[in-house]
PDB file of N, CA and C in Angstrom:
ATOM      1  N   GLN A   1     111.839 106.466 115.434  1.00  0.00           N
ATOM      2  CA  GLN A   1     112.665 107.127 116.433  1.00  0.00           C
ATOM      3  C   GLN A   1     113.753 106.157 116.891  1.00  0.00           C
ATOM      4  N   VAL A   2     114.952 106.675 117.109  1.00  0.00           N
ATOM      5  CA  VAL A   2     116.083 105.821 117.450  1.00  0.00           C
ATOM      6  C   VAL A   2     115.836 105.052 118.747  1.00  0.00           C
ATOM      7  N   HIS A   3     115.133 105.653 119.682  1.00  0.00           N
ATOM      8  CA  HIS A   3     114.840 104.957 120.940  1.00  0.00           C
ATOM      9  C   HIS A   3     114.081 103.658 120.678  1.00  0.00           C
ATOM     10  N   ASP A   4     113.149 103.690 119.742  1.00  0.00           N
ATOM     11  CA  ASP A   4     112.373 102.495 119.400  1.00  0.00           C
ATOM     12  C   ASP A   4     113.251 101.416 118.766  1.00  0.00           C
ATOM     13  N   VAL A   5     114.193 101.842 117.945  1.00  0.00           N
ATOM     14  CA  VAL A   5     115.098 100.891 117.296  1.00  0.00           C
ATOM     15  C   VAL A   5     115.984 100.225 118.344  1.00  0.00           C
ATOM     16  N   VAL A   6     116.497 101.009 119.282  1.00  0.00           N
ATOM     17  CA  VAL A   6     117.332 100.457 120.352  1.00  0.00           C
ATOM     18  C   VAL A   6     116.507  99.534 121.245  1.00  0.00           C
ATOM     19  N   ALA A   7     115.269  99.902 121.508  1.00  0.00           N
ATOM     20  CA  ALA A   7     114.385  99.043 122.304  1.00  0.00           C
ATOM     21  C   ALA A   7     114.183  97.698 121.607  1.00  0.00           C
ATOM     22  N   LYS A   8     114.094  97.710 120.288  1.00  0.00           N
ATOM     23  CA  LYS A   8     113.946  96.461 119.531  1.00  0.00           C
ATOM     24  C   LYS A   8     115.196  95.603 119.668  1.00  0.00           C
ATOM     25  N   ILE A   9     116.368  96.235 119.667  1.00  0.00           N
ATOM     26  CA  ILE A   9     117.615  95.493 119.870  1.00  0.00           C
ATOM     27  C   ILE A   9     117.601  94.849 121.251  1.00  0.00           C
ATOM     28  N   ASP A  10     117.202  95.604 122.263  1.00  0.00           N
ATOM     29  CA  ASP A  10     117.107  95.053 123.618  1.00  0.00           C
ATOM     30  C   ASP A  10     116.159  93.857 123.657  1.00  0.00           C
ATOM     31  N   GLU A  11     115.021  93.995 122.996  1.00  0.00           N
ATOM     32  CA  GLU A  11     114.028  92.912 122.950  1.00  0.00           C
ATOM     33  C   GLU A  11     114.612  91.663 122.289  1.00  0.00           C
ATOM     34  N   GLU A  12     115.278  91.862 121.158  1.00  0.00           N
ATOM     35  CA  GLU A  12     115.855  90.722 120.442  1.00  0.00           C
ATOM     36  C   GLU A  12     116.992  90.082 121.237  1.00  0.00           C
ATOM     37  N   LEU A  13     117.779  90.895 121.938  1.00  0.00           N
ATOM     38  CA  LEU A  13     118.851  90.351 122.766  1.00  0.00           C
ATOM     39  C   LEU A  13     118.273  89.497 123.890  1.00  0.00           C
ATOM     40  N   ALA A  14     117.192  89.944 124.487  1.00  0.00           N
ATOM     41  CA  ALA A  14     116.535  89.157 125.537  1.00  0.00           C
ATOM     42  C   ALA A  14     116.071  87.814 124.977  1.00  0.00           C
ATOM     43  N   GLU A  15     115.579  87.818 123.751  1.00  0.00           N
ATOM     44  CA  GLU A  15     115.136  86.573 123.129  1.00  0.00           C
ATOM     45  C   GLU A  15     116.315  85.650 122.826  1.00  0.00           C
ATOM     46  N   VAL A  16     117.462  86.212 122.463  1.00  0.00           N
ATOM     47  CA  VAL A  16     118.668  85.405 122.264  1.00  0.00           C
ATOM     48  C   VAL A  16     119.059  84.748 123.585  1.00  0.00           C
ATOM     49  N   LYS A  17     119.030  85.517 124.664  1.00  0.00           N
ATOM     50  CA  LYS A  17     119.385  84.971 125.977  1.00  0.00           C
ATOM     51  C   LYS A  17     118.445  83.842 126.379  1.00  0.00           C
ATOM     52  N   GLN A  18     117.166  83.997 126.093  1.00  0.00           N
ATOM     53  CA  GLN A  18     116.197  82.937 126.398  1.00  0.00           C
ATOM     54  C   GLN A  18     116.495  81.685 125.578  1.00  0.00           C
ATOM     55  N   ALA A  19     116.812  81.866 124.314  1.00  0.00           N
ATOM     56  CA  ALA A  19     117.129  80.727 123.453  1.00  0.00           C
ATOM     57  C   ALA A  19     118.392  80.019 123.931  1.00  0.00           C
ATOM     58  N   LEU A  20     119.382  80.800 124.350  1.00  0.00           N
ATOM     59  CA  LEU A  20     120.609  80.207 124.879  1.00  0.00           C
ATOM     60  C   LEU A  20     120.321  79.398 126.134  1.00  0.00           C
ATOM     61  N   ALA A  21     119.506  79.952 127.012  1.00  0.00           N
ATOM     62  CA  ALA A  21     119.153  79.253 128.251  1.00  0.00           C
ATOM     63  C   ALA A  21     118.418  77.952 127.953  1.00  0.00           C
ATOM     64  N   ALA A  22     117.608  77.958 126.901  1.00  0.00           N
ATOM     65  CA  ALA A  22     116.862  76.757 126.522  1.00  0.00           C
ATOM     66  C   ALA A  22     117.758  75.737 125.815  1.00  0.00           C
ATOM     67  N   GLY A  23     118.878  76.217 125.268  1.00  0.00           N
ATOM     68  CA  GLY A  23     119.801  75.326 124.576  1.00  0.00           C
ATOM     69  C   GLY A  23     119.285  74.811 123.244  1.00  0.00           C
ATOM     70  N   ASP A  24     118.354  75.519 122.657  1.00  0.00           N
ATOM     71  CA  ASP A  24     117.740  75.114 121.393  1.00  0.00           C
ATOM     72  C   ASP A  24     118.498  75.769 120.236  1.00  0.00           C
ATOM     73  N   ALA A  25     119.311  74.980 119.535  1.00  0.00           N
ATOM     74  CA  ALA A  25     120.171  75.521 118.478  1.00  0.00           C
ATOM     75  C   ALA A  25     119.370  76.204 117.375  1.00  0.00           C
ATOM     76  N   GLU A  26     118.248  75.624 116.997  1.00  0.00           N
ATOM     77  CA  GLU A  26     117.431  76.226 115.939  1.00  0.00           C
ATOM     78  C   GLU A  26     116.864  77.571 116.387  1.00  0.00           C
ATOM     79  N   GLN A  27     116.418  77.630 117.631  1.00  0.00           N
ATOM     80  CA  GLN A  27     115.877  78.887 118.166  1.00  0.00           C
ATOM     81  C   GLN A  27     116.987  79.929 118.305  1.00  0.00           C
ATOM     82  N   ILE A  28     118.169  79.492 118.739  1.00  0.00           N
ATOM     83  CA  ILE A  28     119.308  80.411 118.857  1.00  0.00           C
ATOM     84  C   ILE A  28     119.619  81.016 117.492  1.00  0.00           C
ATOM     85  N   ASP A  29     119.661  80.164 116.470  1.00  0.00           N
ATOM     86  CA  ASP A  29     119.930  80.625 115.109  1.00  0.00           C
ATOM     87  C   ASP A  29     118.906  81.673 114.674  1.00  0.00           C
ATOM     88  N   GLU A  30     117.648  81.382 114.910  1.00  0.00           N
ATOM     89  CA  GLU A  30     116.585  82.304 114.511  1.00  0.00           C
ATOM     90  C   GLU A  30     116.685  83.632 115.259  1.00  0.00           C
ATOM     91  N   GLU A  31     116.907  83.558 116.566  1.00  0.00           N
ATOM     92  CA  GLU A  31     116.948  84.781 117.372  1.00  0.00           C
ATOM     93  C   GLU A  31     118.191  85.614 117.077  1.00  0.00           C
ATOM     94  N   LEU A  32     119.323  84.952 116.805  1.00  0.00           N
ATOM     95  CA  LEU A  32     120.516  85.707 116.413  1.00  0.00           C
ATOM     96  C   LEU A  32     120.273  86.452 115.107  1.00  0.00           C
ATOM     97  N   GLY A  33     119.591  85.810 114.182  1.00  0.00           N
ATOM     98  CA  GLY A  33     119.240  86.478 112.926  1.00  0.00           C
ATOM     99  C   GLY A  33     118.379  87.704 113.164  1.00  0.00           C
ATOM    100  N   ASP A  34     117.398  87.561 114.064  1.00  0.00           N
ATOM    101  CA  ASP A  34     116.538  88.703 114.388  1.00  0.00           C
ATOM    102  C   ASP A  34     117.336  89.834 115.025  1.00  0.00           C
ATOM    103  N   LEU A  35     118.282  89.469 115.903  1.00  0.00           N
ATOM    104  CA  LEU A  35     119.115  90.486 116.558  1.00  0.00           C
ATOM    105  C   LEU A  35     119.990  91.200 115.527  1.00  0.00           C
ATOM    106  N   LEU A  36     120.599  90.432 114.651  1.00  0.00           N
ATOM    107  CA  LEU A  36     121.430  91.044 113.611  1.00  0.00           C
ATOM    108  C   LEU A  36     120.612  91.982 112.730  1.00  0.00           C
ATOM    109  N   PHE A  37     119.421  91.563 112.373  1.00  0.00           N
ATOM    110  CA  PHE A  37     118.556  92.414 111.559  1.00  0.00           C
ATOM    111  C   PHE A  37     118.246  93.719 112.293  1.00  0.00           C
ATOM    112  N   ALA A  38     117.987  93.639 113.603  1.00  0.00           N
ATOM    113  CA  ALA A  38     117.687  94.842 114.387  1.00  0.00           C
ATOM    114  C   ALA A  38     118.896  95.777 114.434  1.00  0.00           C
ATOM    115  N   VAL A  39     120.093  95.210 114.540  1.00  0.00           N
ATOM    116  CA  VAL A  39     121.308  96.032 114.560  1.00  0.00           C
ATOM    117  C   VAL A  39     121.534  96.674 113.192  1.00  0.00           C
ATOM    118  N   VAL A  40     121.302  95.921 112.134  1.00  0.00           N
ATOM    119  CA  VAL A  40     121.406  96.485 110.786  1.00  0.00           C
ATOM    120  C   VAL A  40     120.413  97.631 110.625  1.00  0.00           C
ATOM    121  N   ASN A  41     119.232  97.464 111.168  1.00  0.00           N
ATOM    122  CA  ASN A  41     118.226  98.514 111.094  1.00  0.00           C
ATOM    123  C   ASN A  41     118.703  99.781 111.817  1.00  0.00           C
ATOM    124  N   LEU A  42     119.382  99.620 112.948  1.00  0.00           N
ATOM    125  CA  LEU A  42     119.934 100.780 113.656  1.00  0.00           C
ATOM    126  C   LEU A  42     120.971 101.483 112.784  1.00  0.00           C
ATOM    127  N   SER A  43     121.826 100.705 112.137  1.00  0.00           N
ATOM    128  CA  SER A  43     122.814 101.301 111.227  1.00  0.00           C
ATOM    129  C   SER A  43     122.121 102.119 110.149  1.00  0.00           C
ATOM    130  N   ARG A  44     121.107 101.521 109.532  1.00  0.00           N
ATOM    131  CA  ARG A  44     120.357 102.209 108.481  1.00  0.00           C
ATOM    132  C   ARG A  44     119.711 103.475 109.021  1.00  0.00           C
ATOM    133  N   PHE A  45     119.130 103.373 110.206  1.00  0.00           N
ATOM    134  CA  PHE A  45     118.451 104.508 110.831  1.00  0.00           C
ATOM    135  C   PHE A  45     119.429 105.654 111.093  1.00  0.00           C
ATOM    136  N   GLN A  46     120.686 105.313 111.349  1.00  0.00           N
ATOM    137  CA  GLN A  46     121.709 106.319 111.607  1.00  0.00           C
ATOM    138  C   GLN A  46     122.411 106.784 110.331  1.00  0.00           C
ATOM    139  N   GLY A  47     121.961 106.302 109.189  1.00  0.00           N
ATOM    140  CA  GLY A  47     122.554 106.713 107.923  1.00  0.00           C
ATOM    141  C   GLY A  47     123.883 106.039 107.640  1.00  0.00           C
ATOM    142  N   LEU A  48     124.112 104.890 108.259  1.00  0.00           N
ATOM    143  CA  LEU A  48     125.362 104.163 108.078  1.00  0.00           C
ATOM    144  C   LEU A  48     125.127 102.947 107.199  1.00  0.00           C
ATOM    145  N   ASN A  49     126.161 102.549 106.487  1.00  0.00           N
ATOM    146  CA  ASN A  49     126.106 101.342 105.684  1.00  0.00           C
ATOM    147  C   ASN A  49     126.520 100.182 106.582  1.00  0.00           C
ATOM    148  N   ALA A  50     125.588  99.290 106.897  1.00  0.00           N
ATOM    149  CA  ALA A  50     125.851  98.200 107.839  1.00  0.00           C
ATOM    150  C   ALA A  50     126.992  97.304 107.373  1.00  0.00           C
ATOM    151  N   GLU A  51     127.087  97.067 106.080  1.00  0.00           N
ATOM    152  CA  GLU A  51     128.161  96.229 105.559  1.00  0.00           C
ATOM    153  C   GLU A  51     129.521  96.880 105.808  1.00  0.00           C
ATOM    154  N   GLU A  52     129.608  98.186 105.608  1.00  0.00           N
ATOM    155  CA  GLU A  52     130.863  98.896 105.864  1.00  0.00           C
ATOM    156  C   GLU A  52     131.187  98.921 107.352  1.00  0.00           C
ATOM    157  N   VAL A  53     130.177  99.112 108.187  1.00  0.00           N
ATOM    158  CA  VAL A  53     130.380  99.089 109.639  1.00  0.00           C
ATOM    159  C   VAL A  53     130.930  97.730 110.056  1.00  0.00           C
ATOM    160  N   LEU A  54     130.325  96.663 109.543  1.00  0.00           N
ATOM    161  CA  LEU A  54     130.777  95.313 109.873  1.00  0.00           C
ATOM    162  C   LEU A  54     132.196  95.077 109.372  1.00  0.00           C
ATOM    163  N   GLN A  55     132.517  95.534 108.170  1.00  0.00           N
ATOM    164  CA  GLN A  55     133.863  95.334 107.634  1.00  0.00           C
ATOM    165  C   GLN A  55     134.904  96.040 108.491  1.00  0.00           C
ATOM    166  N   ARG A  56     134.597  97.250 108.952  1.00  0.00           N
ATOM    167  CA  ARG A  56     135.531  97.954 109.835  1.00  0.00           C
ATOM    168  C   ARG A  56     135.717  97.185 111.146  1.00  0.00           C
ATOM    169  N   ALA A  57     134.641  96.613 111.658  1.00  0.00           N
ATOM    170  CA  ALA A  57     134.731  95.835 112.898  1.00  0.00           C
ATOM    171  C   ALA A  57     135.582  94.580 112.692  1.00  0.00           C
ATOM    172  N   VAL A  58     135.393  93.909 111.565  1.00  0.00           N
ATOM    173  CA  VAL A  58     136.186  92.717 111.251  1.00  0.00           C
ATOM    174  C   VAL A  58     137.656  93.089 111.110  1.00  0.00           C
ATOM    175  N   ASP A  59     137.934  94.190 110.418  1.00  0.00           N
ATOM    176  CA  ASP A  59     139.315  94.644 110.243  1.00  0.00           C
ATOM    177  C   ASP A  59     139.954  94.969 111.587  1.00  0.00           C
ATOM    178  N   LYS A  60     139.217  95.638 112.457  1.00  0.00           N
ATOM    179  CA  LYS A  60     139.736  95.991 113.781  1.00  0.00           C
ATOM    180  C   LYS A  60     140.019  94.729 114.592  1.00  0.00           C
ATOM    181  N   PHE A  61     139.103  93.771 114.539  1.00  0.00           N
ATOM    182  CA  PHE A  61     139.280  92.521 115.267  1.00  0.00           C
ATOM    183  C   PHE A  61     140.523  91.786 114.766  1.00  0.00           C
ATOM    184  N   ALA A  62     140.674  91.680 113.443  1.00  0.00           N
ATOM    185  CA  ALA A  62     141.827  90.982 112.867  1.00  0.00           C
ATOM    186  C   ALA A  62     143.131  91.657 113.269  1.00  0.00           C
ATOM    187  N   LYS A  63     143.146  92.982 113.258  1.00  0.00           N
ATOM    188  CA  LYS A  63     144.342  93.724 113.656  1.00  0.00           C
ATOM    189  C   LYS A  63     144.681  93.441 115.118  1.00  0.00           C
ATOM    190  N   ARG A  64     143.666  93.399 115.974  1.00  0.00           N
ATOM    191  CA  ARG A  64     143.901  93.117 117.388  1.00  0.00           C
ATOM    192  C   ARG A  64     144.415  91.695 117.592  1.00  0.00           C
ATOM    193  N   VAL A  65     143.843  90.741 116.864  1.00  0.00           N
ATOM    194  CA  VAL A  65     144.299  89.353 116.986  1.00  0.00           C
ATOM    195  C   VAL A  65     145.766  89.257 116.588  1.00  0.00           C
ATOM    196  N   GLN A  66     146.151  89.924 115.500  1.00  0.00           N
ATOM    197  CA  GLN A  66     147.551  89.908 115.076  1.00  0.00           C
ATOM    198  C   GLN A  66     148.451  90.517 116.146  1.00  0.00           C
ATOM    199  N   ALA A  67     148.006  91.597 116.773  1.00  0.00           N
ATOM    200  CA  ALA A  67     148.801  92.236 117.821  1.00  0.00           C
ATOM    201  C   ALA A  67     148.924  91.325 119.037  1.00  0.00           C
ATOM    202  N   VAL A  68     147.863  90.630 119.389  1.00  0.00           N
ATOM    203  CA  VAL A  68     147.922  89.680 120.509  1.00  0.00           C
ATOM    204  C   VAL A  68     148.911  88.568 120.177  1.00  0.00           C
ATOM    205  N   GLU A  69     148.827  88.025 118.971  1.00  0.00           N
ATOM    206  CA  GLU A  69     149.760  86.974 118.556  1.00  0.00           C
ATOM    207  C   GLU A  69     151.200  87.454 118.644  1.00  0.00           C
ATOM    208  N   GLN A  70     151.447  88.685 118.220  1.00  0.00           N
ATOM    209  CA  GLN A  70     152.798  89.239 118.267  1.00  0.00           C
ATOM    210  C   GLN A  70     153.271  89.376 119.709  1.00  0.00           C
ATOM    211  N   ARG A  71     152.413  89.870 120.582  1.00  0.00           N
ATOM    212  CA  ARG A  71     152.774  90.018 121.994  1.00  0.00           C
ATOM    213  C   ARG A  71     153.098  88.659 122.613  1.00  0.00           C
ATOM    214  N   VAL A  72     152.303  87.654 122.291  1.00  0.00           N
ATOM    215  CA  VAL A  72     152.528  86.316 122.844  1.00  0.00           C
ATOM    216  C   VAL A  72     153.858  85.764 122.343  1.00  0.00           C
ATOM    217  N   ARG A  73     154.122  85.894 121.034  1.00  0.00           N
ATOM    218  CA  ARG A  73     155.397  85.412 120.487  1.00  0.00           C
ATOM    219  C   ARG A  73     156.579  86.124 121.130  1.00  0.00           C
ATOM    220  N   LEU A  74     156.456  87.443 121.330  1.00  0.00           N
ATOM    221  CA  LEU A  74     157.549  88.194 121.952  1.00  0.00           C
ATOM    222  C   LEU A  74     157.783  87.769 123.391  1.00  0.00           C
ATOM    223  N   SER A  75     156.783  87.184 124.009  1.00  0.00           N
ATOM    224  CA  SER A  75     156.944  86.696 125.379  1.00  0.00           C
ATOM    225  C   SER A  75     157.582  85.311 125.392  1.00  0.00           C
ATOM    226  N   GLY A  76     157.834  84.753 124.193  1.00  0.00           N
ATOM    227  CA  GLY A  76     158.467  83.448 124.098  1.00  0.00           C
ATOM    228  C   GLY A  76     157.499  82.281 124.212  1.00  0.00           C
ATOM    229  N   ARG A  77     156.236  82.546 124.011  1.00  0.00           N
ATOM    230  CA  ARG A  77     155.226  81.501 124.152  1.00  0.00           C
ATOM    231  C   ARG A  77     154.415  81.383 122.872  1.00  0.00           C
ATOM    232  N   GLU A  78     153.591  80.360 122.838  1.00  0.00           N
ATOM    233  CA  GLU A  78     152.650  80.142 121.744  1.00  0.00           C
ATOM    234  C   GLU A  78     151.243  80.403 122.268  1.00  0.00           C
ATOM    235  N   LEU A  79     150.331  80.765 121.369  1.00  0.00           N
ATOM    236  CA  LEU A  79     148.950  81.025 121.773  1.00  0.00           C
ATOM    237  C   LEU A  79     148.358  79.850 122.537  1.00  0.00           C
ATOM    238  N   ALA A  80     148.635  78.640 122.078  1.00  0.00           N
ATOM    239  CA  ALA A  80     148.063  77.446 122.709  1.00  0.00           C
ATOM    240  C   ALA A  80     148.532  77.270 124.149  1.00  0.00           C
ATOM    241  N   GLN A  81     149.641  77.900 124.510  1.00  0.00           N
ATOM    242  CA  GLN A  81     150.163  77.791 125.871  1.00  0.00           C
ATOM    243  C   GLN A  81     149.523  78.793 126.824  1.00  0.00           C
ATOM    244  N   CYS A  82     148.819  79.755 126.301  1.00  0.00           N
ATOM    245  CA  CYS A  82     148.256  80.831 127.119  1.00  0.00           C
ATOM    246  C   CYS A  82     146.890  80.452 127.673  1.00  0.00           C
ATOM    247  N   THR A  83     146.651  80.900 128.884  1.00  0.00           N
ATOM    248  CA  THR A  83     145.324  80.739 129.465  1.00  0.00           C
ATOM    249  C   THR A  83     144.409  81.813 128.884  1.00  0.00           C
ATOM    250  N   LEU A  84     143.124  81.615 129.069  1.00  0.00           N
ATOM    251  CA  LEU A  84     142.174  82.626 128.617  1.00  0.00           C
ATOM    252  C   LEU A  84     142.444  83.955 129.317  1.00  0.00           C
ATOM    253  N   ALA A  85     142.789  83.904 130.598  1.00  0.00           N
ATOM    254  CA  ALA A  85     143.082  85.135 131.345  1.00  0.00           C
ATOM    255  C   ALA A  85     144.291  85.859 130.751  1.00  0.00           C
ATOM    256  N   GLU A  86     145.314  85.107 130.352  1.00  0.00           N
ATOM    257  CA  GLU A  86     146.491  85.729 129.738  1.00  0.00           C
ATOM    258  C   GLU A  86     146.140  86.363 128.391  1.00  0.00           C
ATOM    259  N   LEU A  87     145.364  85.644 127.602  1.00  0.00           N
ATOM    260  CA  LEU A  87     144.955  86.199 126.305  1.00  0.00           C
ATOM    261  C   LEU A  87     144.098  87.440 126.492  1.00  0.00           C
ATOM    262  N   ASP A  88     143.221  87.419 127.489  1.00  0.00           N
ATOM    263  CA  ASP A  88     142.411  88.606 127.791  1.00  0.00           C
ATOM    264  C   ASP A  88     143.294  89.780 128.193  1.00  0.00           C
ATOM    265  N   ALA A  89     144.331  89.505 128.982  1.00  0.00           N
ATOM    266  CA  ALA A  89     145.238  90.575 129.403  1.00  0.00           C
ATOM    267  C   ALA A  89     145.954  91.179 128.195  1.00  0.00           C
ATOM    268  N   HIS A  90     146.409  90.320 127.289  1.00  0.00           N
ATOM    269  CA  HIS A  90     147.045  90.824 126.067  1.00  0.00           C
ATOM    270  C   HIS A  90     146.040  91.621 125.234  1.00  0.00           C
ATOM    271  N   TRP A  91     144.818  91.106 125.102  1.00  0.00           N
ATOM    272  CA  TRP A  91     143.770  91.780 124.334  1.00  0.00           C
ATOM    273  C   TRP A  91     143.512  93.169 124.907  1.00  0.00           C
ATOM    274  N   ASN A  92     143.388  93.240 126.223  1.00  0.00           N
ATOM    275  CA  ASN A  92     143.124  94.529 126.873  1.00  0.00           C
ATOM    276  C   ASN A  92     144.293  95.489 126.701  1.00  0.00           C
ATOM    277  N   ALA A  93     145.517  94.969 126.702  1.00  0.00           N
ATOM    278  CA  ALA A  93     146.685  95.820 126.482  1.00  0.00           C
ATOM    279  C   ALA A  93     146.680  96.382 125.058  1.00  0.00           C
ATOM    280  N   VAL A  94     146.301  95.559 124.105  1.00  0.00           N
ATOM    281  CA  VAL A  94     146.219  96.018 122.712  1.00  0.00           C
ATOM    282  C   VAL A  94     145.147  97.096 122.582  1.00  0.00           C
ATOM    283  N   LYS A  95     143.989  96.873 123.196  1.00  0.00           N
ATOM    284  CA  LYS A  95     142.921  97.874 123.151  1.00  0.00           C
ATOM    285  C   LYS A  95     143.370  99.181 123.795  1.00  0.00           C
ATOM    286  N   ALA A  96     144.067  99.082 124.922  1.00  0.00           N
ATOM    287  CA  ALA A  96     144.543 100.285 125.605  1.00  0.00           C
ATOM    288  C   ALA A  96     145.535 101.034 124.728  1.00  0.00           C
ATOM    289  N   ALA A  97     146.384 100.288 124.022  1.00  0.00           N
ATOM    290  CA  ALA A  97     147.357 100.929 123.134  1.00  0.00           C
ATOM    291  C   ALA A  97     146.651 101.666 122.003  1.00  0.00           C
ATOM    292  N   GLU A  98     145.567 101.103 121.509  1.00  0.00           N
ATOM    293  CA  GLU A  98     144.806 101.763 120.444  1.00  0.00           C
ATOM    294  C   GLU A  98     144.236 103.097 120.902  1.00  0.00           C
ATOM    295  N   SER A  99     143.894 103.166 122.164  1.00  0.00           N
ATOM    296  CA  SER A  99     143.323 104.413 122.678  1.00  0.00           C
ATOM    297  C   SER A  99     144.400 105.339 123.226  1.00  0.00           C
ATOM    298  N   GLY A 100     145.670 104.936 123.083  1.00  0.00           N
ATOM    299  CA  GLY A 100     146.776 105.788 123.492  1.00  0.00           C
ATOM    300  C   GLY A 100     147.122 105.726 124.962  1.00  0.00           C
ATOM    301  N   ARG A 101     146.565 104.762 125.689  1.00  0.00           N
ATOM    302  CA  ARG A 101     146.841 104.680 127.125  1.00  0.00           C
ATOM    303  C   ARG A 101     148.159 103.993 127.432  1.00  0.00           C
ATOM    304  N   GLN A 102     148.663 103.180 126.515  1.00  0.00           N
ATOM    305  CA  GLN A 102     149.934 102.499 126.738  1.00  0.00           C
ATOM    306  C   GLN A 102     150.451 101.968 125.410  1.00  0.00           C
ATOM    307  N   PRO A 103     151.760 101.718 125.296  1.00  0.00           N
ATOM    308  CA  PRO A 103     152.281 101.147 124.060  1.00  0.00           C
ATOM    309  C   PRO A 103     151.832  99.694 123.907  1.00  0.00           C
ATOM    310  N   ALA A 104     151.558  99.265 122.674  1.00  0.00           N
ATOM    311  CA  ALA A 104     151.053  97.915 122.426  1.00  0.00           C
ATOM    312  C   ALA A 104     152.045  96.841 122.823  1.00  0.00           C
ATOM    313  N   LEU A 105     153.325  97.132 122.687  1.00  0.00           N
ATOM    314  CA  LEU A 105     154.334  96.129 122.986  1.00  0.00           C
ATOM    315  C   LEU A 105     155.132  96.506 124.224  1.00  0.00           C
ATOM    316  N   ARG A 106     154.439  97.010 125.243  1.00  0.00           N
ATOM    317  CA  ARG A 106     155.128  97.359 126.478  1.00  0.00           C
ATOM    318  C   ARG A 106     155.778  96.117 127.056  1.00  0.00           C
ATOM    319  N   SER A 107     156.585  96.284 128.072  1.00  0.00           N
ATOM    320  CA  SER A 107     157.309  95.149 128.634  1.00  0.00           C
ATOM    321  C   SER A 107     156.346  94.077 129.115  1.00  0.00           C
ATOM    322  N   LEU A 108     156.799  92.842 128.982  1.00  0.00           N
ATOM    323  CA  LEU A 108     155.991  91.713 129.401  1.00  0.00           C
ATOM    324  C   LEU A 108     156.578  91.130 130.675  1.00  0.00           C
ATOM    325  N   GLY A 109     155.729  90.669 131.555  1.00  0.00           N
ATOM    326  CA  GLY A 109     156.172  90.045 132.799  1.00  0.00           C
ATOM    327  C   GLY A 109     156.854  88.721 132.520  1.00  0.00           C
ATOM    328  N   GLU A 110     157.503  88.158 133.531  1.00  0.00           N
ATOM    329  CA  GLU A 110     158.232  86.910 133.356  1.00  0.00           C
ATOM    330  C   GLU A 110     157.332  85.768 132.917  1.00  0.00           C
ATOM    331  N   ALA A 111     156.078  85.791 133.332  1.00  0.00           N
ATOM    332  CA  ALA A 111     155.149  84.727 132.967  1.00  0.00           C
ATOM    333  C   ALA A 111     154.588  84.923 131.566  1.00  0.00           C
ATOM    334  N   GLY A 112     155.029  85.981 130.892  1.00  0.00           N
ATOM    335  CA  GLY A 112     154.546  86.231 129.547  1.00  0.00           C
ATOM    336  C   GLY A 112     153.255  87.006 129.508  1.00  0.00           C
ATOM    337  N   THR A 113     152.875  87.569 130.636  1.00  0.00           N
ATOM    338  CA  THR A 113     151.666  88.378 130.689  1.00  0.00           C
ATOM    339  C   THR A 113     152.068  89.830 130.823  1.00  0.00           C
ATOM    340  N   PRO A 114     151.218  90.723 130.437  1.00  0.00           N
ATOM    341  CA  PRO A 114     151.550  92.143 130.559  1.00  0.00           C
ATOM    342  C   PRO A 114     151.822  92.517 132.008  1.00  0.00           C
ATOM    343  N   ASP A 115     152.815  93.377 132.190  1.00  0.00           N
ATOM    344  CA  ASP A 115     153.083  93.896 133.530  1.00  0.00           C
ATOM    345  C   ASP A 115     151.863  94.651 134.016  1.00  0.00           C
ATOM    346  N   ALA A 116     151.633  94.618 135.306  1.00  0.00           N
ATOM    347  CA  ALA A 116     150.520  95.392 135.864  1.00  0.00           C
ATOM    348  C   ALA A 116     150.790  96.858 135.607  1.00  0.00           C
ATOM    349  N   GLY A 117     149.746  97.577 135.302  1.00  0.00           N
ATOM    350  CA  GLY A 117     149.987  98.976 135.012  1.00  0.00           C
ATOM    351  C   GLY A 117     148.803  99.737 134.964  1.00  0.00           C
TER     352      GLY A 117
END
């Protein structure tokens, strides 16, 4: 049952959090593997090809990174000059544009960050 598969993901995520808190790199590695396996199992349970799902996610991420880079360049700055908050703002603007809430290259504020909107 899908509920059981999701419960297993929750269980494995809790174990990842415990490993992170302990700071044990070997345990983190092991628990991340278990979590990934549980997520792959959910994909299989839903009739999805986990490799294809992952490839689509990688493609989406790469496309967003390129859009963020373009927005930063258009603001006259380099990625290395941006704070994490600025990069997050650009990332969120790109995501919003994907969902049709705003254009990806809307006007940028003087500081090179997206205008409030």
